[in-house]
Protein backbone atom coordinates (compact mmCIF):
# COMPACT_ATOMS: atom_id res chain seq x y z
CA MET A 1 -20.83 0.15 -23.48
CA SER A 2 -22.05 3.35 -21.80
CA ARG A 3 -21.02 6.66 -23.29
CA LEU A 4 -20.81 9.85 -21.27
CA PRO A 5 -21.14 13.38 -22.68
CA ARG A 6 -17.87 14.74 -23.99
CA SER A 7 -16.03 16.92 -21.49
CA PRO A 8 -12.71 18.75 -21.56
CA LEU A 9 -11.81 16.78 -18.41
CA PHE A 10 -10.64 13.24 -19.12
CA TYR A 11 -13.01 10.90 -17.28
CA GLY A 12 -10.06 9.00 -15.85
CA TRP A 13 -9.42 11.87 -13.44
CA ILE A 14 -12.88 11.31 -11.95
CA ILE A 15 -11.92 7.65 -11.56
CA VAL A 16 -8.75 8.79 -9.77
CA ALA A 17 -10.78 10.97 -7.38
CA VAL A 18 -13.20 8.14 -6.49
CA THR A 19 -10.31 5.69 -6.05
CA PHE A 20 -8.39 8.17 -3.88
CA VAL A 21 -11.31 8.51 -1.47
CA THR A 22 -11.82 4.73 -1.45
CA VAL A 23 -8.17 4.03 -0.58
CA LEU A 24 -8.17 6.87 1.97
CA VAL A 25 -11.19 5.46 3.84
CA SER A 26 -9.84 1.91 3.69
CA ALA A 27 -6.44 2.99 5.02
CA GLY A 28 -8.09 4.98 7.79
CA ILE A 29 -10.16 1.96 8.84
CA ARG A 30 -7.11 -0.32 8.92
CA ALA A 31 -5.22 2.17 11.09
CA SER A 32 -8.19 2.84 13.38
CA VAL A 33 -7.74 -0.35 15.42
CA THR A 34 -5.19 1.38 17.63
CA THR A 35 -7.97 3.69 18.92
CA PHE A 36 -10.16 0.73 19.97
CA ILE A 37 -7.60 -1.25 21.99
CA VAL A 38 -7.86 0.62 25.30
CA PRO A 39 -11.70 0.97 25.27
CA LEU A 40 -12.15 -2.74 24.48
CA ASP A 41 -9.71 -3.67 27.22
CA GLY A 42 -11.56 -1.45 29.69
CA GLU A 43 -15.08 -2.72 28.88
CA PHE A 44 -14.53 -6.43 28.27
CA GLY A 45 -11.31 -7.07 30.20
CA TRP A 46 -9.57 -8.54 27.15
CA ASN A 47 -5.82 -8.25 27.55
CA ARG A 48 -3.64 -6.65 24.88
CA ALA A 49 -2.28 -9.98 23.66
CA ALA A 50 -5.81 -11.31 23.04
CA ILE A 51 -6.80 -8.17 21.11
CA ALA A 52 -3.53 -8.34 19.20
CA SER A 53 -4.44 -11.83 18.01
CA ALA A 54 -7.46 -10.43 16.17
CA ILE A 55 -5.29 -7.67 14.74
CA SER A 56 -2.80 -10.28 13.52
CA ILE A 57 -5.57 -12.13 11.68
CA ASN A 58 -6.56 -8.83 10.06
CA LEU A 59 -3.01 -8.12 8.89
CA LEU A 60 -2.51 -11.63 7.57
CA LEU A 61 -5.75 -11.67 5.57
CA TYR A 62 -5.11 -8.13 4.36
CA GLY A 63 -1.91 -9.35 2.72
CA LEU A 64 -3.23 -12.69 1.49
CA SER A 65 -6.41 -11.19 0.01
CA ALA A 66 -4.44 -8.89 -2.29
CA PRO A 67 -3.64 -11.61 -4.89
CA LEU A 68 -7.25 -12.80 -4.80
CA SER A 69 -8.70 -9.31 -5.22
CA GLY A 70 -6.16 -8.59 -7.96
CA ARG A 71 -7.22 -11.71 -9.82
CA LEU A 72 -10.88 -10.75 -9.47
CA MET A 73 -10.14 -7.23 -10.73
CA ASP A 74 -8.39 -8.62 -13.80
CA ARG A 75 -11.38 -10.85 -14.50
CA PHE A 76 -14.45 -8.85 -13.39
CA GLY A 77 -13.13 -5.29 -13.10
CA PRO A 78 -12.34 -3.05 -10.10
CA ARG A 79 -15.89 -1.72 -9.62
CA LEU A 80 -17.47 -5.01 -8.55
CA VAL A 81 -14.52 -5.91 -6.33
CA VAL A 82 -14.58 -2.51 -4.58
CA LEU A 83 -18.32 -2.78 -3.91
CA GLY A 84 -17.84 -6.25 -2.43
CA SER A 85 -15.01 -4.95 -0.25
CA LEU A 86 -17.15 -2.10 1.04
CA VAL A 87 -19.90 -4.56 1.97
CA LEU A 88 -17.40 -6.59 4.05
CA LEU A 89 -16.03 -3.45 5.74
CA ALA A 90 -19.51 -2.18 6.60
CA LEU A 91 -20.63 -5.55 7.98
CA GLY A 92 -17.46 -5.89 10.04
CA MET A 93 -17.70 -2.43 11.64
CA ALA A 94 -21.48 -2.53 12.16
CA GLY A 95 -21.25 -6.00 13.68
CA MET A 96 -18.90 -4.68 16.37
CA LEU A 97 -21.82 -2.77 17.89
CA ALA A 98 -23.32 -6.04 19.20
CA MET A 99 -19.99 -7.69 20.02
CA SER A 100 -19.52 -9.28 23.45
CA GLN A 101 -17.07 -12.19 22.92
CA LEU A 102 -13.43 -12.19 21.86
CA TRP A 103 -14.07 -14.65 19.02
CA GLN A 104 -16.50 -12.12 17.56
CA LEU A 105 -13.71 -9.55 17.38
CA SER A 106 -11.57 -12.06 15.49
CA LEU A 107 -14.44 -12.73 13.09
CA LEU A 108 -15.52 -9.12 12.56
CA TRP A 109 -12.25 -7.22 12.66
CA GLY A 110 -9.87 -10.05 11.85
CA ILE A 111 -11.69 -11.72 8.96
CA LEU A 112 -14.35 -9.37 7.53
CA VAL A 113 -12.42 -6.11 7.85
CA GLY A 114 -9.15 -7.82 6.85
CA LEU A 115 -10.65 -9.21 3.64
CA GLY A 116 -12.51 -5.99 2.91
CA ALA A 117 -9.42 -3.83 3.29
CA GLY A 118 -7.49 -6.14 0.95
CA GLY A 119 -9.92 -5.36 -1.88
CA SER A 120 -9.16 -1.65 -1.70
CA SER A 121 -5.41 -1.79 -1.10
CA SER A 122 -2.57 -0.76 -3.41
CA VAL A 123 -3.69 -3.48 -5.85
CA LEU A 124 -6.75 -1.31 -6.59
CA TYR A 125 -4.85 1.81 -7.56
CA ALA A 126 -2.23 -0.21 -9.45
CA THR A 127 -5.05 -1.63 -11.58
CA ILE A 128 -6.76 1.76 -12.03
CA ALA A 129 -3.55 3.53 -13.06
CA SER A 130 -2.48 0.83 -15.50
CA ARG A 131 -5.91 0.65 -17.18
CA TRP A 132 -6.75 4.34 -17.45
CA PHE A 133 -3.37 6.02 -18.01
CA VAL A 134 -0.38 5.63 -20.30
CA ALA A 135 0.93 9.16 -19.95
CA ARG A 136 1.01 10.55 -16.38
CA ARG A 137 0.72 7.05 -14.94
CA GLY A 138 3.48 7.64 -12.43
CA LEU A 139 1.82 10.86 -11.24
CA VAL A 140 -1.49 9.02 -10.81
CA LEU A 141 0.23 6.28 -8.81
CA GLY A 142 1.83 8.93 -6.62
CA ILE A 143 -1.52 10.64 -6.00
CA LEU A 144 -3.29 7.39 -5.16
CA GLY A 145 -0.34 6.15 -3.09
CA SER A 146 -0.56 9.29 -0.96
CA ALA A 147 -4.10 8.31 0.01
CA ASN A 148 -2.71 5.73 2.47
CA PRO A 149 -0.89 8.14 4.79
CA THR A 150 -3.61 10.76 4.28
CA GLY A 151 -6.24 8.31 5.48
CA GLN A 152 -4.30 7.64 8.66
CA LEU A 153 -3.65 11.34 9.30
CA VAL A 154 -7.34 12.22 8.79
CA PHE A 155 -9.05 9.25 10.45
CA LEU A 156 -7.02 8.69 13.60
CA PRO A 157 -7.41 12.13 15.27
CA LEU A 158 -11.07 12.39 14.21
CA LEU A 159 -11.95 8.89 15.37
CA MET A 160 -10.10 9.31 18.64
CA ALA A 161 -12.09 12.49 19.34
CA ILE A 162 -15.37 10.66 18.63
CA ILE A 163 -14.43 7.73 20.89
CA VAL A 164 -13.34 9.99 23.76
CA ALA A 165 -16.53 12.05 23.53
CA PHE A 166 -19.16 9.42 22.71
CA GLY A 167 -17.61 5.96 23.18
CA TRP A 168 -16.10 3.31 20.94
CA ARG A 169 -19.45 2.06 19.62
CA THR A 170 -20.21 5.48 18.19
CA GLY A 171 -16.79 5.42 16.55
CA ALA A 172 -17.51 2.03 14.97
CA LEU A 173 -20.92 3.25 13.80
CA ALA A 174 -19.34 6.37 12.26
CA ILE A 175 -16.92 4.21 10.28
CA ALA A 176 -19.72 1.94 9.04
CA ALA A 177 -21.70 5.00 7.95
CA ALA A 178 -18.70 6.40 6.08
CA VAL A 179 -18.30 3.10 4.21
CA VAL A 180 -21.99 3.06 3.21
CA ALA A 181 -21.75 6.67 2.02
CA LEU A 182 -18.66 5.81 -0.02
CA ALA A 183 -20.60 3.13 -1.93
CA VAL A 184 -22.69 5.86 -3.60
CA PRO A 185 -19.90 7.51 -5.67
CA VAL A 186 -18.44 4.07 -6.43
CA LEU A 187 -21.78 2.97 -7.89
CA LEU A 188 -22.34 6.21 -9.78
CA TRP A 189 -18.91 7.03 -11.18
CA LEU A 190 -16.40 4.19 -10.92
CA ARG A 191 -15.88 2.37 -14.24
CA ASP A 192 -13.67 -0.60 -15.00
CA ASP A 193 -12.03 0.48 -18.23
CA PRO A 194 -11.89 3.51 -20.59
CA THR A 195 -13.78 1.52 -23.21
CA ASP A 196 -16.78 1.44 -20.83
CA VAL A 197 -17.24 5.16 -21.52
CA GLY A 198 -16.04 5.18 -25.13
CA LEU A 199 -12.51 6.40 -24.40
CA ARG A 200 -8.90 5.29 -24.75
CA PRO A 201 -6.35 5.40 -21.92
CA TYR A 202 -4.98 8.87 -21.27
CA GLY A 203 -1.98 9.48 -23.53
CA ALA A 204 -2.49 6.36 -25.64
CA ASP A 205 -3.17 8.47 -28.75
CA ARG A 206 -0.29 10.89 -28.19
CA ALA A 207 2.34 9.68 -30.60
CA ASP A 208 4.43 12.77 -29.86
CA ALA A 209 4.85 11.84 -26.20
CA PRO A 210 7.98 9.67 -25.95
CA SER A 211 7.27 8.32 -22.48
CA ALA A 212 3.71 7.40 -23.41
CA LYS A 213 4.86 5.78 -26.66
CA ALA A 214 7.55 3.76 -24.88
CA SER A 215 5.10 2.59 -22.24
CA ALA A 216 2.52 1.60 -24.83
CA GLN A 217 5.10 -0.38 -26.79
CA ALA A 218 6.24 -2.15 -23.63
CA GLU A 219 2.72 -3.18 -22.67
CA ALA A 220 2.25 -6.29 -24.75
CA PRO A 221 -0.56 -8.78 -23.99
CA ALA A 222 -0.87 -9.84 -20.37
CA VAL A 223 1.49 -12.47 -18.99
CA PRO A 224 -0.27 -15.24 -16.99
CA LEU A 225 0.84 -15.67 -13.39
CA VAL A 226 2.14 -19.19 -14.08
CA GLN A 227 4.45 -17.77 -16.72
CA ALA A 228 5.41 -14.72 -14.66
CA ILE A 229 6.64 -16.72 -11.66
CA ARG A 230 9.06 -18.56 -13.96
CA THR A 231 10.92 -15.32 -14.66
CA PRO A 232 13.61 -13.87 -12.40
CA ASP A 233 12.02 -10.43 -12.85
CA PHE A 234 8.94 -11.46 -10.86
CA TRP A 235 11.11 -12.65 -7.99
CA PHE A 236 13.27 -9.54 -8.08
CA LEU A 237 10.10 -7.43 -7.84
CA ALA A 238 8.70 -9.61 -5.05
CA GLY A 239 12.06 -9.47 -3.30
CA THR A 240 12.30 -5.69 -3.42
CA TYR A 241 8.76 -5.36 -2.09
CA PHE A 242 9.55 -7.87 0.66
CA VAL A 243 12.37 -5.50 1.61
CA CYS A 244 9.96 -2.57 1.51
CA GLY A 245 7.49 -4.20 3.89
CA ALA A 246 10.25 -5.50 6.14
CA THR A 247 11.94 -2.13 6.61
CA SER A 248 8.82 0.08 6.71
CA ASN A 249 5.78 -1.63 8.29
CA GLY A 250 7.72 -4.41 9.97
CA LEU A 251 10.71 -2.55 11.40
CA VAL A 252 10.09 1.20 11.66
CA GLY A 253 6.28 1.10 11.70
CA THR A 254 6.25 -1.39 14.59
CA HIS A 255 9.35 -0.58 16.62
CA PHE A 256 10.12 3.11 16.03
CA ILE A 257 8.28 4.41 19.10
CA PRO A 258 9.58 1.70 21.50
CA HIS A 259 13.13 2.37 20.23
CA SER A 260 12.69 6.10 20.83
CA ILE A 261 11.38 5.52 24.36
CA ASP A 262 14.36 3.21 25.05
CA HIS A 263 16.62 6.18 24.29
CA GLY A 264 14.80 8.51 26.68
CA ILE A 265 12.62 10.34 24.15
CA PRO A 266 9.12 11.04 25.57
CA GLU A 267 6.20 9.07 24.15
CA MET A 268 4.35 12.15 22.86
CA THR A 269 7.50 13.41 21.16
CA ALA A 270 8.00 10.06 19.45
CA ALA A 271 4.35 9.98 18.38
CA ALA A 272 4.58 13.53 17.00
CA THR A 273 7.68 12.53 15.05
CA LEU A 274 5.73 9.61 13.62
CA GLY A 275 3.13 12.15 12.50
CA VAL A 276 5.85 14.10 10.69
CA MET A 277 6.87 10.88 9.00
CA GLY A 278 3.28 10.42 7.83
CA GLY A 279 3.25 13.89 6.31
CA MET A 280 6.49 13.14 4.48
CA ASN A 281 4.90 9.92 3.17
CA PHE A 282 2.41 12.10 1.30
CA VAL A 283 5.14 14.29 -0.21
CA GLY A 284 7.36 11.32 -1.07
CA ALA A 285 4.58 9.40 -2.84
CA LEU A 286 3.69 12.41 -5.03
CA ALA A 287 7.33 13.16 -5.84
CA SER A 288 8.02 9.51 -6.67
CA GLY A 289 5.07 9.43 -9.05
CA TRP A 290 6.31 12.55 -10.83
CA LEU A 291 9.82 11.10 -11.13
CA THR A 292 8.53 7.72 -12.35
CA ASP A 293 7.10 9.45 -15.44
CA ARG A 294 10.52 10.92 -16.27
CA PHE A 295 13.21 8.43 -15.27
CA ASP A 296 13.97 4.73 -15.38
CA PRO A 297 11.79 3.33 -12.53
CA ARG A 298 14.39 0.65 -11.73
CA LYS A 299 17.05 3.26 -10.99
CA LEU A 300 14.54 5.26 -8.97
CA LEU A 301 13.74 2.16 -6.90
CA ALA A 302 17.43 1.53 -6.32
CA LEU A 303 17.94 5.10 -5.12
CA ILE A 304 14.94 4.93 -2.77
CA TYR A 305 16.12 1.70 -1.13
CA ALA A 306 19.70 2.99 -0.87
CA LEU A 307 18.54 6.14 0.95
CA ARG A 308 16.37 4.01 3.22
CA GLY A 309 19.35 1.82 4.05
CA VAL A 310 21.52 4.81 4.93
CA SER A 311 18.83 6.24 7.23
CA LEU A 312 18.48 2.90 9.04
CA PHE A 313 22.24 2.76 9.61
CA VAL A 314 21.99 6.15 11.34
CA LEU A 315 18.85 5.53 13.45
CA PRO A 316 20.47 3.36 16.19
CA PHE A 317 22.74 6.26 17.11
CA VAL A 318 20.02 8.93 17.29
CA THR A 319 19.42 9.93 20.90
CA ASP A 320 17.73 13.36 20.69
CA PHE A 321 14.68 14.91 19.07
CA SER A 322 16.56 16.81 16.35
CA GLY A 323 18.18 13.64 15.05
CA LEU A 324 14.88 11.80 15.29
CA LEU A 325 13.20 14.54 13.26
CA ILE A 326 15.82 14.32 10.50
CA PHE A 327 15.34 10.57 10.31
CA ALA A 328 11.55 10.99 10.16
CA VAL A 329 11.85 13.36 7.20
CA VAL A 330 14.28 11.16 5.23
CA PHE A 331 12.55 7.87 5.96
CA GLY A 332 9.11 9.39 5.48
CA LEU A 333 10.02 10.62 2.00
CA ASP A 334 10.94 7.14 0.81
CA SER A 335 8.51 5.01 2.84
CA HIS A 336 5.64 5.14 0.31
CA ALA A 337 7.80 6.23 -2.63
CA THR A 338 8.38 2.63 -3.72
CA VAL A 339 4.80 2.14 -4.95
CA PRO A 340 4.79 4.16 -8.23
CA PRO A 341 8.04 2.73 -9.67
CA THR A 342 7.18 -0.83 -8.54
CA VAL A 343 3.78 -0.70 -10.26
CA ALA A 344 5.32 0.96 -13.34
CA VAL A 345 7.92 -1.81 -13.69
CA THR A 346 5.28 -4.51 -13.14
CA THR A 347 3.04 -3.00 -15.82
CA ARG A 348 5.76 -2.60 -18.40
CA ARG A 349 7.23 -6.02 -17.74
CA PHE A 350 4.07 -8.16 -17.55
CA GLY A 351 1.36 -6.09 -19.28
CA LYS A 352 -1.46 -4.01 -17.84
CA GLY A 353 -3.98 -6.84 -18.24
CA SER A 354 -2.29 -8.86 -15.51
CA VAL A 355 -1.28 -6.11 -13.10
CA GLY A 356 -4.01 -6.95 -10.58
CA THR A 357 -3.00 -10.60 -10.28
CA ILE A 358 0.77 -10.22 -10.43
CA PHE A 359 1.05 -7.09 -8.31
CA GLY A 360 -1.31 -8.72 -5.82
CA TRP A 361 1.27 -11.45 -5.20
CA ILE A 362 4.06 -8.88 -5.10
CA PHE A 363 2.08 -6.96 -2.48
CA ALA A 364 1.60 -10.19 -0.51
CA SER A 365 5.39 -10.48 -0.30
CA HIS A 366 5.40 -6.93 1.15
CA GLN A 367 3.10 -7.99 3.98
CA PHE A 368 5.04 -11.21 4.53
CA GLY A 369 8.24 -9.20 4.91
CA ALA A 370 6.50 -6.91 7.40
CA ALA A 371 5.26 -9.83 9.49
CA VAL A 372 8.62 -11.61 9.53
CA VAL A 373 10.68 -8.58 10.51
CA ALA A 374 8.18 -7.25 13.06
CA THR A 375 8.57 -10.52 14.96
CA THR A 376 12.32 -10.82 14.38
CA ALA A 377 13.10 -7.27 15.53
CA GLY A 378 11.05 -7.84 18.68
CA ALA A 379 13.02 -11.02 19.40
CA ILE A 380 16.31 -9.14 18.91
CA ARG A 381 15.16 -6.48 21.39
CA VAL A 382 14.24 -9.12 23.97
CA SER A 383 17.45 -11.12 23.62
CA LEU A 384 19.95 -8.24 23.29
CA GLY A 385 18.13 -5.50 25.18
CA ASP A 386 18.39 -3.01 22.28
CA TYR A 387 17.14 -2.48 18.73
CA GLN A 388 20.58 -1.50 17.41
CA TYR A 389 21.33 -4.70 15.50
CA ALA A 390 17.77 -4.91 14.18
CA PHE A 391 18.06 -1.48 12.53
CA LEU A 392 21.57 -2.16 11.25
CA ALA A 393 20.35 -5.42 9.71
CA GLY A 394 17.46 -3.47 8.19
CA GLY A 395 19.97 -1.13 6.55
CA VAL A 396 21.78 -4.08 4.99
CA VAL A 397 18.49 -5.56 3.74
CA ALA A 398 17.54 -2.22 2.18
CA LEU A 399 20.84 -2.10 0.25
CA ILE A 400 20.19 -5.63 -1.00
CA GLY A 401 16.80 -4.39 -2.23
CA ALA A 402 18.53 -1.55 -4.08
CA SER A 403 20.78 -4.06 -5.83
CA MET A 404 17.88 -6.32 -6.82
CA ALA A 405 16.01 -3.42 -8.44
CA LEU A 406 18.81 -2.92 -10.96
CA PHE A 407 18.55 -6.52 -12.20
CA ILE A 408 14.91 -6.24 -13.29
CA ARG A 409 14.24 -6.11 -17.04
CA LEU A 410 11.63 -3.67 -18.29
CA GLN A 411 10.92 -5.51 -21.54
CA ARG A 412 10.36 -9.16 -22.24
CA PRO A 413 13.11 -11.00 -24.08
CA SER A 414 12.35 -11.48 -27.76
CA PRO A 415 12.14 -15.08 -28.93
CA THR A 416 15.29 -16.19 -30.68
CA MET A 417 14.82 -16.61 -34.41
CA ALA A 418 15.62 -20.05 -35.74
CA PRO A 419 18.42 -20.06 -38.35
CA ALA A 420 17.13 -20.29 -41.92
CA ALA A 421 17.63 -23.61 -43.68
CA THR A 422 20.26 -23.57 -46.36
């Protein structure tokens, strides 16, 4: 066990800073594919459908790798898993420099980058927050959750400027260099557990803090995955996160701009509104983390999904920029706000020692919901000529998610005592 010099700053906050940058870079890389589509089409003549096939492989492996990386984090710690993920990301982006065939794009971007991004997804910050913090855990989850939209807001404009000025290969090289540079602070400062530096989780020794005491009491020994999937609480959590992915990434994230264009709103206006939504993601994630520390996370989840449902009921009837802007603010505030309360409920229900594994599978249901609804909403648009019924159905699904959140138990049922023999 390595011990660091005593400092008035709890070392866990350094862990939070390193993790924030890691998630930010990973999120930026995942979102960067949109800047490569046109240059790759122009140089190699690959059509959009062919390029999209590689992107689909990336999205699928990104979701499926979350349970695997969560299991590895529970067993070997986050540090080793993050370093392995960075190696895959660097190899994938650097390999694109010599790419000339479509199958190479599927291998490099689809498989290597997809698997690498999965190791530094929300499973990473769920594990970090549950291991290092008892008090302020919700705030930490909010901070780390905001790294996702921040990464997209920072990377996309910067990368697009590099590609326009110097070409897509320079953009890929810049990403690979950023990943290699990120490995340095991970090696130097990231630690798996507070005991590695002779500490206890933040707030674990504060008996006067009611929220910390309640969380500590709720966090009994880890529940194995086999046991967890036999409980309705696991399926309620997976179901709510399926709803989250379906209504955010699958529905709005994929079809918001086409829907806006269908209603006569210019492309640049729709894209700018999407940028506003990204900024609200940052605010919503932080606010949700703060609220998770103070209120029942199940009720907070129910409120978030209810507000999302209401906004989706309104969206089909929005035909001007002002209405679109209001929707972007409301939906943006709750789009990433589900992460802190979902992780908090998972931790308190199944124990912090199994968060990586169990939340990994819950996150996989998020991506599955996104994939299913992205395809379904597109089919509705093709068959009916409008997204109206897709968004209305999304509103209904969001309300179902709000109902499911209220059925989750925060504590495990106590074993029934056998009656004493007379």
